[in-house]
Amino acid sequence: MLPWYDRAIDDPWITDEEIIESFTPLEHKFRKLKESGYSTHDSPTLETLKKTFPGDDDIGPKFSHFILKWRRLGSKRAPKPDEFLSNFRSKQCNEKYAFGNAMTVFSNLWLGESKFGGVLTGYSVHPDYYHLLPDVAEEARNQYHPDRLCHAVLAVKIHQSPELEDDLPQPQGEDQRGQESTQSVISTPGADVPEKETLCVAQLGPLMACTGEEWAKARDKYDRDSLEMPYRDWEETGYGVVVGLDDSSHATGPVFVMYGFSEFVWDDPCNDYEAYTHETIYWCDSKRQEFPRIRRLYPACNQKFFLAKIADTMEDLRSRKQFDFEIVAAQRCTVTRARVDRSDGSIIPNDIPDDGVYGPEDEVFPLEE
């Protein structure tokens, strides 16, 4: 029986040291498992947990309870931005879990401010490399092919709209309100459109915004040289921040923001380890007209887009200059998983068919006592 109240999860003022002190002997073993290379979301399946820890029928809920504690570690302390960016650049994204692990060490990262859309707005990114998901549910859930990368790395087909299911509502044509069809891709003149039609990216997490009068009050109180920026002062935009990959699979390329049309809905994460479903967000009405809030950075934003570039490199966002959103694709594009090409080690869009298998049957994690 898990406790209904756990200070390590529910106390907003608890420190990292106190969270670690609260670990049970089993949770210390879970911690070794996580620190050995499995990042927060690419965790072992329930079947694997049962083989690694035989004889415990409640191992799934216990591991899920531990994960709630694990995700809070690092929330009270964080490296300086230069330290984080150095670590971020050093991780090769074709190493299955290394990049995801690098994303668990900061709480909020200041990006800058922009007048794009008509209102001066401050932006930050909250760490969650699982924020953006591929369009197809089966592809989103199947984690365990040896060549398929975790959700930290995605592929975007710039000039291709997703093939939505027939029963999914979608805007068609243009009505008197000027709503657009999802079947076109519009590039803004002057935008730095990638040379390749498919863009492989590593994701940082959701783009957060503080806009209008709220930003006018808040913009001078933040230490922009720190990663510690209170989450409560920001609102999610629906976009995620992603970084283009170079030829060596490092995330050193342009910085983009991309709108998320898919999400995981967790039914009961404390009691059922795998109780989640992949769903398309509620983005249009019964007449298949897109809601006004979709593909907007904030409610009063006067422009809509799916993918836009905000900087040539992460370092460019370290300045205090305002940045712009250079629209690459106005309408929704296809998003897939990515995989490693074994012939040269490069990262390419996933083309491995899903077989419904969510983990090797004989996988067991060796844990030292």
Protein backbone atom coordinates (compact mmCIF):
# COMPACT_ATOMS: atom_id res chain seq x y z
CA MET A 1 0.00 0.00 0.00
CA LEU A 2 1.47 3.33 -1.07
CA PRO A 3 1.09 6.35 1.25
CA TRP A 4 -1.69 8.82 0.43
CA TYR A 5 0.71 11.61 1.36
CA ASP A 6 4.43 11.62 0.65
CA ARG A 7 6.36 14.74 1.60
CA ALA A 8 8.94 14.03 -1.12
CA ILE A 9 6.15 14.47 -3.69
CA ASP A 10 3.70 16.87 -2.08
CA ASP A 11 5.86 19.35 -0.13
CA PRO A 12 6.78 22.29 -2.44
CA TRP A 13 9.64 23.37 -0.14
CA ILE A 14 11.45 20.04 0.21
CA THR A 15 15.10 19.95 -0.86
CA ASP A 16 16.86 17.44 -3.10
CA GLU A 17 18.77 16.08 -0.11
CA GLU A 18 15.54 15.44 1.78
CA ILE A 19 14.03 13.69 -1.23
CA ILE A 20 17.01 11.34 -1.43
CA GLU A 21 16.83 10.69 2.33
CA SER A 22 13.21 9.62 1.87
CA PHE A 23 14.13 6.80 -0.54
CA THR A 24 13.36 3.27 0.63
CA PRO A 25 15.93 0.50 0.00
CA LEU A 26 13.95 -0.49 -3.10
CA GLU A 27 13.85 3.12 -4.31
CA HIS A 28 17.63 3.32 -3.96
CA LYS A 29 17.80 0.37 -6.38
CA PHE A 30 15.44 2.21 -8.70
CA ARG A 31 17.76 5.20 -8.45
CA LYS A 32 20.72 3.07 -9.56
CA LEU A 33 18.65 1.89 -12.50
CA LYS A 34 17.87 5.47 -13.53
CA GLU A 35 21.44 6.68 -13.08
CA SER A 36 22.76 3.74 -15.10
CA GLY A 37 21.29 5.20 -18.26
CA TYR A 38 17.51 5.10 -18.29
CA SER A 39 16.07 8.58 -18.46
CA THR A 40 12.81 9.63 -16.83
CA HIS A 41 10.41 8.61 -19.57
CA ASP A 42 12.29 5.78 -21.31
CA SER A 43 11.78 3.47 -18.35
CA PRO A 44 11.65 -0.33 -18.39
CA THR A 45 8.36 -2.05 -19.10
CA LEU A 46 6.31 -3.58 -16.31
CA GLU A 47 7.33 -7.03 -17.54
CA THR A 48 11.00 -6.08 -17.29
CA LEU A 49 10.51 -4.70 -13.78
CA LYS A 50 8.90 -7.96 -12.67
CA LYS A 51 11.87 -9.94 -14.02
CA THR A 52 14.40 -7.58 -12.43
CA PHE A 53 12.57 -7.57 -9.08
CA PRO A 54 10.83 -10.97 -8.92
CA GLY A 55 8.23 -11.76 -6.28
CA ASP A 56 6.82 -8.25 -5.84
CA ASP A 57 3.33 -7.96 -7.33
CA ASP A 58 3.24 -4.21 -6.63
CA ILE A 59 6.52 -3.39 -8.39
CA GLY A 60 4.79 -1.29 -11.09
CA PRO A 61 2.99 1.12 -8.72
CA LYS A 62 6.10 1.32 -6.52
CA PHE A 63 8.25 2.30 -9.48
CA SER A 64 5.68 4.89 -10.61
CA HIS A 65 5.66 6.33 -7.08
CA PHE A 66 9.45 6.54 -7.17
CA ILE A 67 9.35 8.32 -10.55
CA LEU A 68 7.21 11.08 -9.01
CA LYS A 69 10.03 11.64 -6.52
CA TRP A 70 12.74 11.32 -9.16
CA ARG A 71 11.23 14.02 -11.33
CA ARG A 72 11.48 16.50 -8.47
CA LEU A 73 15.22 16.05 -8.08
CA GLY A 74 17.07 19.02 -9.50
CA SER A 75 14.12 21.38 -9.03
CA LYS A 76 15.87 23.21 -6.18
CA ARG A 77 19.32 23.47 -7.70
CA ALA A 78 20.56 23.73 -11.23
CA PRO A 79 23.75 24.36 -13.18
CA LYS A 80 24.52 27.73 -14.68
CA PRO A 81 23.30 28.13 -18.27
CA ASP A 82 26.81 27.90 -19.74
CA GLU A 83 27.35 24.62 -17.90
CA PHE A 84 24.01 23.28 -19.06
CA LEU A 85 24.57 24.32 -22.69
CA SER A 86 28.02 22.72 -22.70
CA ASN A 87 26.53 19.46 -21.44
CA PHE A 88 23.65 19.78 -23.91
CA ARG A 89 25.99 20.14 -26.90
CA SER A 90 28.26 17.31 -25.78
CA LYS A 91 25.59 14.61 -25.87
CA GLN A 92 25.32 12.67 -29.10
CA CYS A 93 21.67 12.17 -29.90
CA ASN A 94 22.33 8.78 -31.50
CA GLU A 95 23.18 7.46 -28.03
CA LYS A 96 19.82 6.07 -27.00
CA TYR A 97 19.51 7.55 -23.50
CA ALA A 98 22.41 9.98 -23.02
CA PHE A 99 20.61 12.99 -24.43
CA GLY A 100 17.44 12.37 -22.46
CA ASN A 101 19.41 12.16 -19.23
CA ALA A 102 20.97 15.56 -19.93
CA MET A 103 17.48 17.08 -19.95
CA THR A 104 16.68 16.29 -16.32
CA VAL A 105 19.12 18.76 -14.74
CA PHE A 106 17.36 22.11 -14.95
CA SER A 107 13.99 23.58 -14.05
CA ASN A 108 13.39 26.49 -16.43
CA LEU A 109 15.69 28.10 -18.99
CA TRP A 110 15.29 31.72 -20.02
CA LEU A 111 15.12 32.13 -23.81
CA GLY A 112 14.41 35.83 -24.33
CA GLU A 113 11.60 38.13 -25.34
CA SER A 114 9.86 38.98 -28.60
CA LYS A 115 7.19 41.28 -30.03
CA PHE A 116 6.10 38.62 -32.53
CA GLY A 117 2.31 38.57 -32.74
CA GLY A 118 1.91 42.13 -31.51
CA VAL A 119 2.60 41.92 -27.76
CA LEU A 120 5.97 41.99 -25.97
CA THR A 121 6.28 38.54 -24.41
CA GLY A 122 8.93 36.74 -22.39
CA TYR A 123 9.74 33.13 -23.21
CA SER A 124 11.37 30.24 -21.39
CA VAL A 125 11.53 26.48 -21.82
CA HIS A 126 10.63 23.93 -19.16
CA PRO A 127 12.53 20.61 -19.35
CA ASP A 128 10.45 17.78 -20.77
CA TYR A 129 11.86 16.01 -23.79
CA TYR A 130 8.64 13.96 -23.90
CA HIS A 131 6.48 17.03 -24.59
CA LEU A 132 6.21 16.63 -28.37
CA LEU A 133 5.11 13.25 -29.71
CA PRO A 134 4.92 11.53 -33.09
CA ASP A 135 1.53 11.56 -34.79
CA VAL A 136 0.96 7.80 -34.73
CA ALA A 137 0.00 6.21 -31.42
CA GLU A 138 1.73 2.87 -32.05
CA GLU A 139 4.96 4.62 -32.97
CA ALA A 140 4.75 6.78 -29.86
CA ARG A 141 4.43 3.83 -27.49
CA ASN A 142 6.86 1.31 -28.98
CA GLN A 143 10.18 2.33 -27.43
CA TYR A 144 12.38 -0.68 -27.68
CA HIS A 145 13.71 -1.36 -31.16
CA PRO A 146 17.53 -1.14 -30.81
CA ASP A 147 17.82 1.40 -33.64
CA ARG A 148 14.83 3.56 -32.74
CA LEU A 149 15.65 6.58 -30.61
CA CYS A 150 13.70 7.79 -27.61
CA HIS A 151 11.25 10.68 -27.85
CA ALA A 152 14.00 13.21 -27.21
CA VAL A 153 14.68 13.02 -30.96
CA LEU A 154 11.97 13.49 -33.60
CA ALA A 155 11.76 13.88 -37.37
CA VAL A 156 9.59 16.55 -39.02
CA LYS A 157 8.59 16.24 -42.68
CA ILE A 158 8.51 19.93 -43.53
CA HIS A 159 6.48 19.79 -46.74
CA GLN A 160 4.08 17.00 -45.85
CA SER A 161 0.84 17.24 -43.88
CA PRO A 162 -0.05 14.24 -41.70
CA GLU A 163 -2.53 11.66 -42.94
CA LEU A 164 -5.20 12.06 -40.29
CA GLU A 165 -7.77 9.35 -39.65
CA ASP A 166 -11.13 9.84 -41.34
CA ASP A 167 -12.96 10.25 -38.04
CA LEU A 168 -10.62 13.00 -36.85
CA PRO A 169 -12.16 16.44 -37.35
CA GLN A 170 -9.99 18.79 -39.34
CA PRO A 171 -10.48 22.25 -40.86
CA GLN A 172 -11.28 22.19 -44.57
CA GLY A 173 -10.95 25.20 -46.88
CA GLU A 174 -11.39 28.74 -45.63
CA ASP A 175 -14.44 30.36 -44.04
CA GLN A 176 -15.34 33.99 -43.38
CA ARG A 177 -13.07 34.04 -40.33
CA GLY A 178 -10.07 33.30 -42.50
CA GLN A 179 -9.32 29.84 -41.14
CA GLU A 180 -6.94 27.83 -43.27
CA SER A 181 -6.84 24.29 -44.58
CA THR A 182 -4.47 21.82 -42.93
CA GLN A 183 -3.34 20.50 -46.29
CA SER A 184 -1.01 23.36 -47.22
CA VAL A 185 2.40 24.38 -45.98
CA ILE A 186 3.27 28.07 -46.14
CA SER A 187 6.76 29.43 -45.70
CA THR A 188 7.33 33.01 -44.66
CA PRO A 189 9.51 34.94 -47.14
CA GLY A 190 13.02 35.19 -45.78
CA ALA A 191 12.63 32.33 -43.32
CA ASP A 192 15.61 29.98 -43.14
CA VAL A 193 13.89 26.86 -44.45
CA PRO A 194 16.02 23.73 -43.94
CA GLU A 195 17.64 22.43 -47.12
CA LYS A 196 16.30 18.95 -46.43
CA GLU A 197 12.57 18.31 -46.49
CA THR A 198 12.95 16.26 -43.31
CA LEU A 199 14.32 17.95 -40.22
CA CYS A 200 15.67 15.81 -37.36
CA VAL A 201 15.59 17.63 -34.04
CA ALA A 202 16.24 17.14 -30.34
CA GLN A 203 13.59 18.56 -28.07
CA LEU A 204 14.08 20.57 -24.90
CA GLY A 205 10.53 20.87 -23.63
CA PRO A 206 7.42 23.05 -23.71
CA LEU A 207 7.73 26.71 -24.66
CA MET A 208 6.49 28.86 -21.78
CA ALA A 209 5.25 32.44 -22.11
CA CYS A 210 4.60 35.43 -19.88
CA THR A 211 2.91 38.17 -21.86
CA GLY A 212 1.40 41.64 -21.74
CA GLU A 213 1.07 43.42 -18.41
CA GLU A 214 2.24 40.34 -16.52
CA TRP A 215 5.52 40.36 -18.42
CA ALA A 216 5.92 44.11 -17.94
CA LYS A 217 5.77 43.52 -14.18
CA ALA A 218 7.97 40.42 -14.20
CA ARG A 219 10.68 41.07 -16.80
CA ASP A 220 13.13 42.84 -14.47
CA LYS A 221 12.84 40.53 -11.48
CA TYR A 222 14.40 37.44 -13.05
CA ASP A 223 18.04 36.45 -12.88
CA ARG A 224 18.56 35.64 -16.54
CA ASP A 225 21.94 34.07 -15.78
CA SER A 226 20.24 31.37 -13.74
CA LEU A 227 18.13 28.43 -14.77
CA GLU A 228 15.99 28.88 -11.66
CA MET A 229 12.91 30.69 -12.96
CA PRO A 230 9.65 29.96 -11.10
CA TYR A 231 7.35 27.73 -13.13
CA ARG A 232 4.25 29.38 -11.63
CA ASP A 233 4.91 32.66 -13.50
CA TRP A 234 4.70 31.03 -16.93
CA GLU A 235 1.94 29.57 -19.09
CA GLU A 236 2.32 26.79 -21.64
CA THR A 237 1.89 27.85 -25.25
CA GLY A 238 1.22 24.47 -26.85
CA TYR A 239 4.61 24.68 -28.57
CA GLY A 240 7.79 22.76 -27.85
CA VAL A 241 11.39 23.97 -28.27
CA VAL A 242 13.56 21.81 -30.54
CA VAL A 243 17.14 22.07 -31.78
CA GLY A 244 18.43 20.90 -35.16
CA LEU A 245 21.10 18.20 -35.31
CA ASP A 246 24.47 18.52 -37.03
CA ASP A 247 26.16 15.81 -39.10
CA SER A 248 27.67 14.26 -35.97
CA SER A 249 24.24 13.98 -34.29
CA HIS A 250 24.88 16.77 -31.79
CA ALA A 251 22.19 19.36 -31.08
CA THR A 252 24.15 22.40 -32.25
CA GLY A 253 21.89 23.60 -35.05
CA PRO A 254 19.09 26.16 -35.34
CA VAL A 255 16.51 26.50 -32.57
CA PHE A 256 12.87 26.02 -33.56
CA VAL A 257 9.50 25.99 -31.84
CA MET A 258 6.93 23.43 -33.01
CA TYR A 259 3.26 23.04 -32.11
CA GLY A 260 2.18 19.80 -30.46
CA PHE A 261 -0.97 18.11 -31.76
CA SER A 262 -0.46 14.86 -29.80
CA GLU A 263 -0.21 14.13 -26.09
CA PHE A 264 -0.07 11.30 -23.59
CA VAL A 265 -3.03 11.19 -21.21
CA TRP A 266 -2.14 9.46 -17.96
CA ASP A 267 -5.12 7.59 -16.51
CA ASP A 268 -3.66 6.72 -13.10
CA PRO A 269 0.16 6.89 -13.00
CA CYS A 270 0.39 5.93 -9.31
CA ASN A 271 -1.59 2.70 -9.57
CA ASP A 272 -1.08 1.45 -13.10
CA TYR A 273 2.43 1.78 -14.48
CA GLU A 274 1.38 1.75 -18.14
CA ALA A 275 -2.04 3.45 -17.80
CA TYR A 276 -1.73 6.08 -20.50
CA THR A 277 -3.06 6.64 -23.97
CA HIS A 278 -1.79 8.58 -26.98
CA GLU A 279 -4.38 11.13 -28.08
CA THR A 280 -4.72 14.01 -30.51
CA ILE A 281 -5.47 17.25 -28.69
CA TYR A 282 -8.95 18.77 -28.87
CA TRP A 283 -8.17 21.27 -31.59
CA CYS A 284 -11.32 21.86 -33.65
CA ASP A 285 -15.09 22.06 -33.28
CA SER A 286 -17.83 19.81 -34.64
CA LYS A 287 -17.71 21.68 -37.96
CA ARG A 288 -14.00 20.90 -38.25
CA GLN A 289 -13.01 24.52 -37.70
CA GLU A 290 -9.78 25.02 -35.81
CA PHE A 291 -10.15 26.70 -32.42
CA PRO A 292 -8.69 30.24 -32.31
CA ARG A 293 -6.16 29.26 -29.61
CA ILE A 294 -4.53 26.55 -31.76
CA ARG A 295 -1.13 27.45 -33.27
CA ARG A 296 -0.94 30.73 -31.37
CA LEU A 297 1.80 31.68 -28.93
CA TYR A 298 -0.68 33.48 -26.66
CA PRO A 299 -4.40 34.39 -26.93
CA ALA A 300 -3.86 37.87 -28.42
CA CYS A 301 -1.18 36.73 -30.90
CA ASN A 302 -2.10 37.89 -34.40
CA GLN A 303 -0.16 35.19 -36.30
CA LYS A 304 -0.49 31.40 -36.43
CA PHE A 305 2.10 28.80 -37.38
CA PHE A 306 3.23 25.22 -36.82
CA LEU A 307 7.04 25.52 -37.03
CA ALA A 308 9.26 28.60 -36.70
CA LYS A 309 12.95 29.31 -36.17
CA ILE A 310 13.91 31.58 -33.27
CA ALA A 311 17.73 31.42 -33.37
CA ASP A 312 20.67 30.03 -35.31
CA THR A 313 22.10 28.46 -32.13
CA MET A 314 21.20 28.18 -28.47
CA GLU A 315 24.03 30.60 -27.70
CA ASP A 316 22.28 33.32 -29.71
CA LEU A 317 19.44 33.22 -27.19
CA ARG A 318 21.84 34.07 -24.37
CA SER A 319 21.91 37.73 -25.41
CA ARG A 320 19.34 40.21 -24.14
CA LYS A 321 18.31 41.19 -27.65
CA GLN A 322 14.77 40.50 -28.77
CA PHE A 323 14.34 37.59 -31.15
CA ASP A 324 11.81 36.89 -33.89
CA PHE A 325 9.82 33.86 -35.01
CA GLU A 326 10.73 33.09 -38.63
CA ILE A 327 7.89 30.89 -39.83
CA VAL A 328 9.05 27.74 -41.63
CA ALA A 329 5.67 25.96 -41.83
CA ALA A 330 2.37 27.65 -41.08
CA GLN A 331 0.32 24.44 -41.23
CA ARG A 332 0.72 21.12 -39.49
CA CYS A 333 3.49 18.83 -40.73
CA THR A 334 4.05 15.12 -40.18
CA VAL A 335 6.03 14.23 -37.04
CA THR A 336 7.62 10.79 -36.60
CA ARG A 337 10.18 9.07 -34.41
CA ALA A 338 13.80 8.97 -35.52
CA ARG A 339 16.29 6.13 -35.72
CA VAL A 340 20.00 5.51 -36.18
CA ASP A 341 21.24 4.54 -39.63
CA ARG A 342 23.73 1.77 -38.81
CA SER A 343 25.63 2.33 -42.06
CA ASP A 344 27.04 5.69 -40.97
CA GLY A 345 25.62 6.44 -37.51
CA SER A 346 23.48 9.31 -38.76
CA ILE A 347 19.97 10.04 -37.53
CA ILE A 348 17.13 9.58 -40.01
CA PRO A 349 13.31 9.42 -39.82
CA ASN A 350 11.97 6.19 -38.41
CA ASP A 351 10.92 3.66 -41.06
CA ILE A 352 10.83 0.57 -38.84
CA PRO A 353 7.36 -1.03 -38.78
CA ASP A 354 5.79 -1.43 -35.37
CA ASP A 355 5.33 -5.02 -34.25
CA GLY A 356 3.42 -4.34 -31.04
CA VAL A 357 6.33 -5.56 -28.90
CA TYR A 358 7.16 -3.10 -26.14
CA GLY A 359 10.39 -4.62 -24.87
CA PRO A 360 12.72 -7.62 -25.23
CA GLU A 361 11.26 -10.57 -23.36
CA ASP A 362 14.57 -11.50 -21.76
CA GLU A 363 15.64 -8.00 -20.71
CA VAL A 364 16.74 -7.81 -17.05
CA PHE A 365 18.66 -4.96 -15.44
CA PRO A 366 21.74 -6.08 -13.45
CA LEU A 367 21.71 -4.12 -10.19
CA GLU A 368 24.50 -4.38 -7.64
CA GLU A 369 23.50 -4.82 -4.03
